[in-house]
Amino acid sequence: MKKTTLETQFVKQKVSVDKLALGMYVTELDRPWLESPFLFQGFFLTTEQHISLVQDTCEFVYIDTTRIIEKETSFLQEEKRKDIVYPAPPKKTRTFFNEISKADKIFSTTSRLIQSFLKDVEVNQNLDIEEAKEAVDQVVHSVIKTPDALMWLTQLKKRDEYTSQHSMNVCVLSVALGRHIGLSEKELKELGLCGMLHDMGKMLIPNKILNKPGKLKGKEIKIMKYHTVLGLKILKKSKGRVPLSVINVAYSHHERVDGKGYPRGIGQDKLTRATRVVAIADMYDALTSDRVYRKGCSHLEAIDIMNKMSGKHLDYALMLKFIECLSVYPPGSIVELTNDEIAIVVEVNQDEKLRPKIILLLGADKQPKKEKPIDLSLREEDMGGEMYTIKRTVKATDYNIDIMKFYNSGIIQKGFSTL
């Protein structure tokens, strides 16, 4: 068997993207990494799909000529195993603004239903699975048309409703990722149910442990981890037929692909795809939410943390698709432009993910200004003659932006109707 060629001396070479070939190691782009769809800084070109994505993004790149892998090497075969090729995501059939009102009703109704589930579980250790299925059906129908509307609503987080909101958000995020990797409507409905009910066991964990401000210790950790077993027991005795996949996810969503999770310590080969999807959605929403013991991360901070867990804690290939699904600037994120103005992202442009639809909120002086909707893909110029371009993501709290208040004002719903 041929061996991988790995030299110790670093040699960087500029290459036009039409000259790229399988096995090359891309070490630098012709633009900042955060202005690209690649959040891993440095990667091997292991599939034709990789090469096409680089060609669509850049004009030239730099490769490390000392890091070349040949097609026959076992290393490349391992990379191919990780880089499962999923079909291209379906095109949206509705715009954010056509779907947001309906999505709002679905989100509100389903969130209330989840709250009732949680009370039933807490009091009776039981829930009505048929009601849950009907609610998930509505979520799936909306996400299939366009995931942006419900994903935007996942940003409206209330700390005092964390458990119910988390269940709703994980449902939405799981379905959105499932849609992105080409799952059927039937599969999406089952996956959404997995996401919605994955944490039911936590309702039987004492609040003093569940909401403890400090770090859990000793027996507290054991009790918290037991929520996966409790979730399994609750779902097994619930009214109606609970799909085995849903029970499995409730029991296994804290397992790791490297086999170091709980409660059984099983690895990727024994974890269902639904479990691996929900684990990603669960972690992302938890990281980006404010809790009593810490502030939530920004989107890119959360993605950076999760990237480092990719291949160990989280599924490598699904994590890449999750990044692609959410985009660098997901709906509801707050961004700073190159002219120092602050805006909120409303809708991702599928063909130009780095140039979404936004609404300007603050001027360069960081003071409120008349809201202005801008479709960045149209390359409109600001008052200084510069093209509106996103510089970075920021936290809403850094600029006293209340996303909930902004949404309730109705501005987001009418947004681009004047364009």
Protein backbone atom coordinates (compact mmCIF):
# COMPACT_ATOMS: atom_id res chain seq x y z
CA MET A 1 0.00 0.00 0.00
CA LYS A 2 1.28 3.43 -0.88
CA LYS A 3 2.00 5.79 1.96
CA THR A 4 0.80 9.32 2.54
CA THR A 5 3.45 11.88 1.63
CA LEU A 6 3.93 14.17 4.63
CA GLU A 7 7.05 16.32 4.79
CA THR A 8 7.97 18.46 7.77
CA GLN A 9 8.78 21.60 5.78
CA PHE A 10 5.82 23.81 4.87
CA VAL A 11 5.71 24.93 1.21
CA LYS A 12 2.85 27.21 0.11
CA GLN A 13 1.95 27.48 -3.58
CA LYS A 14 -0.67 29.70 -5.26
CA VAL A 15 -3.00 27.69 -7.52
CA SER A 16 -5.86 28.77 -9.78
CA VAL A 17 -9.04 26.93 -8.76
CA ASP A 18 -9.37 25.35 -12.21
CA LYS A 19 -6.07 23.54 -11.53
CA LEU A 20 -7.19 21.90 -8.29
CA ALA A 21 -7.07 18.13 -7.97
CA LEU A 22 -8.08 15.45 -5.49
CA GLY A 23 -5.59 14.98 -2.67
CA MET A 24 -4.39 18.60 -2.49
CA TYR A 25 -4.36 20.37 0.89
CA VAL A 26 -5.87 23.89 0.80
CA THR A 27 -4.11 25.98 3.43
CA GLU A 28 -5.23 29.52 2.51
CA LEU A 29 -7.99 31.16 0.43
CA ASP A 30 -8.00 34.33 -1.65
CA ARG A 31 -10.32 35.86 0.98
CA PRO A 32 -10.82 35.66 4.76
CA TRP A 33 -12.09 32.29 5.98
CA LEU A 34 -15.18 33.89 7.54
CA GLU A 35 -16.15 35.26 4.13
CA SER A 36 -16.30 31.71 2.79
CA PRO A 37 -18.51 28.67 3.45
CA PHE A 38 -15.44 26.85 4.86
CA LEU A 39 -15.21 27.16 8.63
CA PHE A 40 -12.32 24.69 8.84
CA GLN A 41 -9.10 26.61 8.20
CA GLY A 42 -7.25 24.09 6.06
CA PHE A 43 -8.59 20.91 4.49
CA PHE A 44 -7.82 18.13 2.02
CA LEU A 45 -9.72 18.02 -1.27
CA THR A 46 -11.19 14.55 -0.96
CA THR A 47 -14.20 14.67 -3.32
CA GLU A 48 -15.18 16.35 -6.57
CA GLN A 49 -17.90 18.11 -4.59
CA HIS A 50 -15.18 19.74 -2.43
CA ILE A 51 -13.38 20.99 -5.51
CA SER A 52 -16.57 22.39 -7.06
CA LEU A 53 -17.39 24.28 -3.86
CA VAL A 54 -13.92 25.86 -3.78
CA GLN A 55 -14.22 26.79 -7.47
CA ASP A 56 -17.61 28.42 -6.83
CA THR A 57 -16.18 30.46 -3.95
CA CYS A 58 -12.64 31.47 -4.93
CA GLU A 59 -10.55 32.47 -7.93
CA PHE A 60 -7.35 31.06 -6.49
CA VAL A 61 -6.15 29.33 -3.30
CA TYR A 62 -2.86 28.37 -1.70
CA ILE A 63 -1.98 24.74 -1.23
CA ASP A 64 0.64 23.13 0.99
CA THR A 65 2.67 21.10 -1.52
CA THR A 66 4.13 18.94 1.26
CA ARG A 67 0.69 17.61 2.17
CA ILE A 68 -0.51 15.56 -0.78
CA ILE A 69 -2.57 12.40 -0.38
CA GLU A 70 -2.94 9.88 -3.16
CA LYS A 71 -6.22 8.22 -4.11
CA GLU A 72 -5.08 4.78 -2.99
CA THR A 73 -4.07 5.75 0.55
CA SER A 74 -6.05 4.53 3.50
CA PHE A 75 -6.09 8.11 4.83
CA LEU A 76 -8.05 9.31 1.80
CA GLN A 77 -10.45 6.41 2.12
CA GLU A 78 -11.11 7.46 5.73
CA GLU A 79 -11.73 11.04 4.61
CA LYS A 80 -14.20 9.76 2.00
CA ARG A 81 -15.98 7.81 4.70
CA LYS A 82 -16.36 10.99 6.70
CA ASP A 83 -17.38 13.11 3.72
CA ILE A 84 -20.61 11.30 2.88
CA VAL A 85 -22.05 12.92 -0.23
CA TYR A 86 -25.61 14.03 0.44
CA PRO A 87 -27.88 15.28 -2.35
CA ALA A 88 -28.20 19.02 -2.92
CA PRO A 89 -30.84 20.55 -0.62
CA PRO A 90 -34.23 21.25 -2.24
CA LYS A 91 -35.06 24.74 -3.45
CA LYS A 92 -37.32 26.87 -1.30
CA THR A 93 -40.89 27.13 -2.58
CA ARG A 94 -41.88 30.13 -0.44
CA THR A 95 -40.07 33.23 0.71
CA PHE A 96 -39.49 34.09 4.34
CA PHE A 97 -42.04 36.90 4.17
CA ASN A 98 -44.72 34.69 2.63
CA GLU A 99 -44.24 32.06 5.32
CA ILE A 100 -43.45 34.00 8.51
CA SER A 101 -47.05 34.67 9.64
CA LYS A 102 -48.04 31.03 9.28
CA ALA A 103 -44.78 29.90 10.86
CA ASP A 104 -45.42 32.23 13.80
CA LYS A 105 -48.78 30.56 14.47
CA ILE A 106 -47.20 27.11 14.18
CA PHE A 107 -44.37 28.09 16.52
CA SER A 108 -46.68 29.61 19.14
CA THR A 109 -49.22 26.78 19.05
CA THR A 110 -46.58 24.06 19.15
CA SER A 111 -44.64 25.77 21.95
CA ARG A 112 -47.80 25.91 24.08
CA LEU A 113 -48.46 22.26 23.30
CA ILE A 114 -44.93 21.33 24.40
CA GLN A 115 -45.51 23.19 27.67
CA SER A 116 -48.62 21.07 28.25
CA PHE A 117 -46.61 17.92 27.44
CA LEU A 118 -44.02 18.90 30.01
CA LYS A 119 -46.67 19.41 32.69
CA ASP A 120 -48.26 16.04 31.88
CA VAL A 121 -44.87 14.37 32.14
CA GLU A 122 -44.08 16.12 35.40
CA VAL A 123 -47.44 15.23 37.00
CA ASN A 124 -48.43 11.97 35.33
CA GLN A 125 -45.15 10.81 33.76
CA ASN A 126 -47.07 10.43 30.51
CA LEU A 127 -47.89 12.33 27.28
CA ASP A 128 -50.19 12.08 24.27
CA ILE A 129 -47.95 11.11 21.36
CA GLU A 130 -50.67 11.67 18.74
CA GLU A 131 -50.92 15.36 19.63
CA ALA A 132 -47.16 15.61 19.35
CA LYS A 133 -47.21 13.99 15.90
CA GLU A 134 -49.82 16.47 14.63
CA ALA A 135 -47.75 19.40 15.88
CA VAL A 136 -44.58 18.09 14.24
CA ASP A 137 -46.44 17.63 10.95
CA GLN A 138 -47.10 21.38 10.85
CA VAL A 139 -43.45 22.16 11.59
CA VAL A 140 -42.30 19.86 8.79
CA HIS A 141 -44.71 21.36 6.24
CA SER A 142 -43.37 24.86 6.99
CA VAL A 143 -39.68 23.87 6.95
CA ILE A 144 -40.08 22.01 3.65
CA LYS A 145 -41.30 25.24 2.01
CA THR A 146 -38.59 27.39 3.58
CA PRO A 147 -36.63 26.69 6.80
CA ASP A 148 -35.81 30.38 7.33
CA ALA A 149 -39.09 31.42 8.99
CA LEU A 150 -39.14 28.86 11.80
CA MET A 151 -35.36 29.06 12.19
CA TRP A 152 -35.70 32.83 12.68
CA LEU A 153 -38.25 32.20 15.42
CA THR A 154 -35.83 29.92 17.28
CA GLN A 155 -33.86 33.10 18.06
CA LEU A 156 -36.71 34.46 20.22
CA LYS A 157 -35.50 32.87 23.43
CA LYS A 158 -36.85 33.35 26.94
CA ARG A 159 -34.69 32.10 29.79
CA ASP A 160 -37.72 31.29 31.99
CA GLU A 161 -39.15 29.03 29.26
CA TYR A 162 -35.88 27.31 28.39
CA THR A 163 -37.01 23.68 28.57
CA SER A 164 -40.08 24.10 26.34
CA GLN A 165 -38.29 26.44 23.93
CA HIS A 166 -35.31 24.12 23.73
CA SER A 167 -37.57 21.21 22.77
CA MET A 168 -39.20 23.34 20.08
CA ASN A 169 -35.91 24.68 18.76
CA VAL A 170 -34.27 21.26 18.59
CA CYS A 171 -37.30 20.01 16.67
CA VAL A 172 -36.99 22.85 14.12
CA LEU A 173 -33.21 22.61 13.79
CA SER A 174 -33.34 18.83 13.39
CA VAL A 175 -35.99 19.05 10.66
CA ALA A 176 -34.05 21.82 8.91
CA LEU A 177 -30.89 19.68 8.88
CA GLY A 178 -32.91 16.66 7.75
CA ARG A 179 -34.37 18.68 4.88
CA HIS A 180 -30.88 19.83 3.94
CA ILE A 181 -29.57 16.28 3.60
CA GLY A 182 -32.53 15.18 1.48
CA LEU A 183 -34.72 13.19 3.87
CA SER A 184 -38.27 12.36 2.79
CA GLU A 185 -41.30 14.02 4.38
CA LYS A 186 -42.04 10.84 6.34
CA GLU A 187 -38.47 10.75 7.65
CA LEU A 188 -38.62 14.44 8.56
CA LYS A 189 -41.78 13.93 10.60
CA GLU A 190 -40.17 11.15 12.61
CA LEU A 191 -36.97 13.18 13.01
CA GLY A 192 -38.94 16.21 14.20
CA LEU A 193 -40.69 14.07 16.79
CA CYS A 194 -37.28 12.84 17.96
CA GLY A 195 -36.10 16.43 18.40
CA MET A 196 -39.26 17.58 20.16
CA LEU A 197 -39.32 14.76 22.72
CA HIS A 198 -35.60 14.12 23.24
CA ASP A 199 -35.43 15.80 26.66
CA MET A 200 -38.73 14.68 28.26
CA GLY A 201 -36.76 12.88 30.98
CA LYS A 202 -35.49 16.20 32.35
CA MET A 203 -38.97 16.99 33.66
CA LEU A 204 -38.40 14.39 36.39
CA ILE A 205 -35.03 15.84 37.42
CA PRO A 206 -35.25 18.07 40.55
CA ASN A 207 -35.21 21.79 39.67
CA LYS A 208 -32.44 22.46 42.17
CA ILE A 209 -30.19 20.30 39.97
CA LEU A 210 -31.69 21.22 36.60
CA ASN A 211 -31.31 24.96 37.24
CA LYS A 212 -28.30 25.00 39.53
CA PRO A 213 -26.24 28.18 38.90
CA GLY A 214 -22.93 26.47 39.61
CA LYS A 215 -21.20 23.37 38.32
CA LEU A 216 -22.81 20.01 39.10
CA LYS A 217 -20.83 17.66 41.31
CA GLY A 218 -20.71 13.96 42.17
CA LYS A 219 -24.23 12.63 42.78
CA GLU A 220 -25.79 15.62 41.00
CA ILE A 221 -24.05 14.64 37.76
CA LYS A 222 -25.33 11.06 38.07
CA ILE A 223 -28.88 12.30 38.65
CA MET A 224 -28.70 14.66 35.67
CA LYS A 225 -27.37 11.94 33.38
CA TYR A 226 -30.24 9.71 34.44
CA HIS A 227 -32.66 11.92 32.44
CA THR A 228 -31.89 9.81 29.37
CA VAL A 229 -33.16 6.67 31.14
CA LEU A 230 -36.20 8.55 32.43
CA GLY A 231 -36.96 9.77 28.91
CA LEU A 232 -36.88 6.21 27.62
CA LYS A 233 -39.29 5.06 30.37
CA ILE A 234 -41.72 7.95 29.82
CA LEU A 235 -41.92 7.43 26.05
CA LYS A 236 -42.30 3.65 26.33
CA LYS A 237 -45.47 4.01 28.41
CA SER A 238 -46.99 7.05 26.63
CA LYS A 239 -50.43 7.01 25.00
CA GLY A 240 -50.33 5.87 21.38
CA ARG A 241 -47.55 4.28 19.37
CA VAL A 242 -44.21 5.96 19.92
CA PRO A 243 -41.75 5.22 17.07
CA LEU A 244 -38.74 3.23 18.25
CA SER A 245 -36.46 5.91 16.78
CA VAL A 246 -37.96 8.53 19.14
CA ILE A 247 -37.39 6.34 22.19
CA ASN A 248 -33.87 5.60 20.97
CA VAL A 249 -33.00 9.31 20.60
CA ALA A 250 -34.34 10.18 24.06
CA TYR A 251 -32.10 7.44 25.47
CA SER A 252 -29.02 8.04 23.28
CA HIS A 253 -28.71 11.76 22.43
CA HIS A 254 -25.80 12.18 24.87
CA GLU A 255 -23.79 9.35 23.37
CA ARG A 256 -20.67 10.34 21.40
CA VAL A 257 -19.39 9.06 18.08
CA ASP A 258 -16.10 8.10 19.80
CA GLY A 259 -17.97 5.94 22.33
CA LYS A 260 -17.28 8.14 25.36
CA GLY A 261 -20.81 9.41 25.97
CA TYR A 262 -23.63 8.14 28.19
CA PRO A 263 -25.62 6.16 29.26
CA ARG A 264 -24.14 3.17 27.38
CA GLY A 265 -20.85 4.45 25.96
CA ILE A 266 -21.59 3.28 22.40
CA GLY A 267 -19.88 4.67 19.28
CA GLN A 268 -20.94 5.99 15.88
CA ASP A 269 -21.61 2.61 14.29
CA LYS A 270 -24.35 1.95 16.85
CA LEU A 271 -25.88 5.42 16.81
CA THR A 272 -28.84 6.05 14.51
CA ARG A 273 -28.76 8.95 12.08
CA ALA A 274 -31.65 10.55 14.00
CA THR A 275 -29.61 10.40 17.22
CA ARG A 276 -26.60 12.00 15.54
CA VAL A 277 -28.75 14.77 14.01
CA VAL A 278 -30.55 15.58 17.27
CA ALA A 279 -27.25 15.59 19.19
CA ILE A 280 -26.03 18.39 16.91
CA ALA A 281 -29.27 20.41 17.13
CA ASP A 282 -29.39 19.91 20.90
CA MET A 283 -25.85 21.14 21.45
CA TYR A 284 -26.21 24.14 19.13
CA ASP A 285 -29.37 25.43 20.81
CA ALA A 286 -27.94 24.83 24.28
CA LEU A 287 -24.74 26.73 23.46
CA THR A 288 -26.58 29.71 21.94
CA SER A 289 -29.10 30.05 24.80
CA ASP A 290 -28.71 32.07 28.00
CA ARG A 291 -28.85 29.90 31.12
CA VAL A 292 -28.80 30.72 34.81
CA TYR A 293 -25.15 29.66 34.96
CA ARG A 294 -23.81 31.28 31.75
CA LYS A 295 -24.50 33.58 28.82
CA GLY A 296 -25.23 32.06 25.43
CA CYS A 297 -22.63 32.02 22.64
CA SER A 298 -22.94 33.72 19.28
CA HIS A 299 -23.59 31.54 16.23
CA LEU A 300 -19.96 31.46 15.13
CA GLU A 301 -18.70 30.87 18.67
CA ALA A 302 -21.02 27.87 18.97
CA ILE A 303 -19.99 26.52 15.57
CA ASP A 304 -16.32 26.88 16.50
CA ILE A 305 -16.86 24.88 19.71
CA MET A 306 -18.81 22.21 17.87
CA ASN A 307 -16.23 22.00 15.06
CA LYS A 308 -13.62 21.06 17.62
CA MET A 309 -15.89 18.23 18.77
CA SER A 310 -16.53 17.03 15.23
CA GLY A 311 -15.42 13.45 14.68
CA LYS A 312 -15.14 12.83 18.43
CA HIS A 313 -18.33 13.98 20.06
CA LEU A 314 -20.40 14.84 16.97
CA ASP A 315 -20.81 13.22 13.56
CA TYR A 316 -18.23 14.75 11.18
CA ALA A 317 -20.24 14.65 7.95
CA LEU A 318 -23.50 15.80 9.53
CA MET A 319 -21.71 18.65 11.28
CA LEU A 320 -20.44 19.92 7.93
CA LYS A 321 -23.99 19.80 6.55
CA PHE A 322 -25.30 21.60 9.65
CA ILE A 323 -22.86 24.46 9.06
CA GLU A 324 -23.96 24.58 5.44
CA CYS A 325 -27.64 24.42 6.46
CA LEU A 326 -27.44 27.34 8.90
CA SER A 327 -25.02 29.33 6.75
CA VAL A 328 -22.37 31.66 8.11
CA TYR A 329 -25.10 34.22 8.84
CA PRO A 330 -28.27 32.33 9.84
CA PRO A 331 -31.73 33.92 10.10
CA GLY A 332 -32.04 36.01 13.25
CA SER A 333 -28.33 36.65 13.71
CA ILE A 334 -27.05 40.17 14.36
CA VAL A 335 -24.25 41.36 12.08
CA GLU A 336 -21.94 44.34 11.74
CA LEU A 337 -21.33 45.65 8.22
CA THR A 338 -18.07 46.96 6.80
CA ASN A 339 -19.45 50.50 7.17
CA ASP A 340 -19.95 49.78 10.93
CA GLU A 341 -23.76 49.72 10.76
CA ILE A 342 -25.64 46.97 12.60
CA ALA A 343 -28.31 44.78 11.01
CA ILE A 344 -30.35 41.65 11.60
CA VAL A 345 -30.32 38.78 9.11
CA VAL A 346 -33.77 37.89 7.86
CA GLU A 347 -33.39 35.34 5.09
CA VAL A 348 -30.49 33.42 3.56
CA ASN A 349 -30.06 33.73 -0.21
CA GLN A 350 -29.57 30.11 -1.22
CA ASP A 351 -27.23 30.89 -4.11
CA GLU A 352 -25.26 33.60 -2.25
CA LYS A 353 -25.15 32.60 1.39
CA LEU A 354 -22.65 35.30 2.31
CA ARG A 355 -25.05 37.97 1.06
CA PRO A 356 -28.40 37.38 2.84
CA LYS A 357 -31.41 39.67 3.18
CA ILE A 358 -30.97 41.97 6.18
CA ILE A 359 -32.69 44.87 7.93
CA LEU A 360 -30.51 47.75 9.14
CA LEU A 361 -31.13 48.64 12.80
CA LEU A 362 -28.26 50.87 13.99
CA GLY A 363 -26.11 53.45 12.25
CA ALA A 364 -22.31 53.52 12.26
CA ASP A 365 -22.55 55.43 15.58
CA LYS A 366 -24.45 52.41 16.97
CA GLN A 367 -27.55 54.54 17.53
CA PRO A 368 -31.02 53.45 16.31
CA LYS A 369 -31.89 54.51 12.77
CA LYS A 370 -34.94 54.06 10.58
CA GLU A 371 -35.08 50.37 9.71
CA LYS A 372 -34.05 49.66 6.14
CA PRO A 373 -34.40 46.29 4.37
CA ILE A 374 -31.51 45.37 2.07
CA ASP A 375 -30.99 42.34 -0.12
CA LEU A 376 -27.20 42.08 -0.10
CA SER A 377 -27.24 39.91 -3.22
CA LEU A 378 -28.36 42.99 -5.18
CA ARG A 379 -25.09 44.72 -4.20
CA GLU A 380 -26.63 48.03 -3.19
CA GLU A 381 -24.23 50.81 -2.16
CA ASP A 382 -24.35 52.85 1.05
CA MET A 383 -24.21 56.64 1.34
CA GLY A 384 -20.43 56.52 1.00
CA GLY A 385 -20.59 54.65 -2.30
CA GLU A 386 -19.40 51.37 -0.78
CA MET A 387 -21.22 48.10 -1.33
CA TYR A 388 -23.08 46.85 1.75
CA THR A 389 -21.11 43.84 3.01
CA ILE A 390 -21.15 41.90 6.27
CA LYS A 391 -17.98 42.14 8.34
CA ARG A 392 -18.79 39.90 11.31
CA THR A 393 -21.49 38.56 13.60
CA VAL A 394 -22.09 40.22 16.97
CA LYS A 395 -24.29 39.57 19.99
CA ALA A 396 -27.63 41.37 20.24
CA THR A 397 -26.94 42.11 23.92
CA ASP A 398 -23.73 43.97 23.02
CA TYR A 399 -25.87 46.68 21.39
CA ASN A 400 -28.99 46.45 23.59
CA ILE A 401 -31.00 44.94 20.76
CA ASP A 402 -34.12 43.13 22.01
CA ILE A 403 -34.92 40.67 19.21
CA MET A 404 -38.28 39.78 20.77
CA LYS A 405 -39.32 43.44 20.99
CA PHE A 406 -38.13 44.02 17.44
CA TYR A 407 -40.18 41.07 16.20
CA ASN A 408 -43.29 42.11 18.11
CA SER A 409 -43.11 45.56 16.48
CA GLY A 410 -44.18 43.95 13.19
CA ILE A 411 -41.22 45.28 11.21
CA ILE A 412 -39.83 41.87 10.44
CA GLN A 413 -43.15 40.64 9.04
CA LYS A 414 -43.47 43.40 6.46
CA GLY A 415 -39.71 43.74 5.91
CA PHE A 416 -39.16 43.55 2.16
CA SER A 417 -42.74 44.20 1.06
CA THR A 418 -41.69 47.69 0.00
CA LEU A 419 -38.85 46.48 -2.26
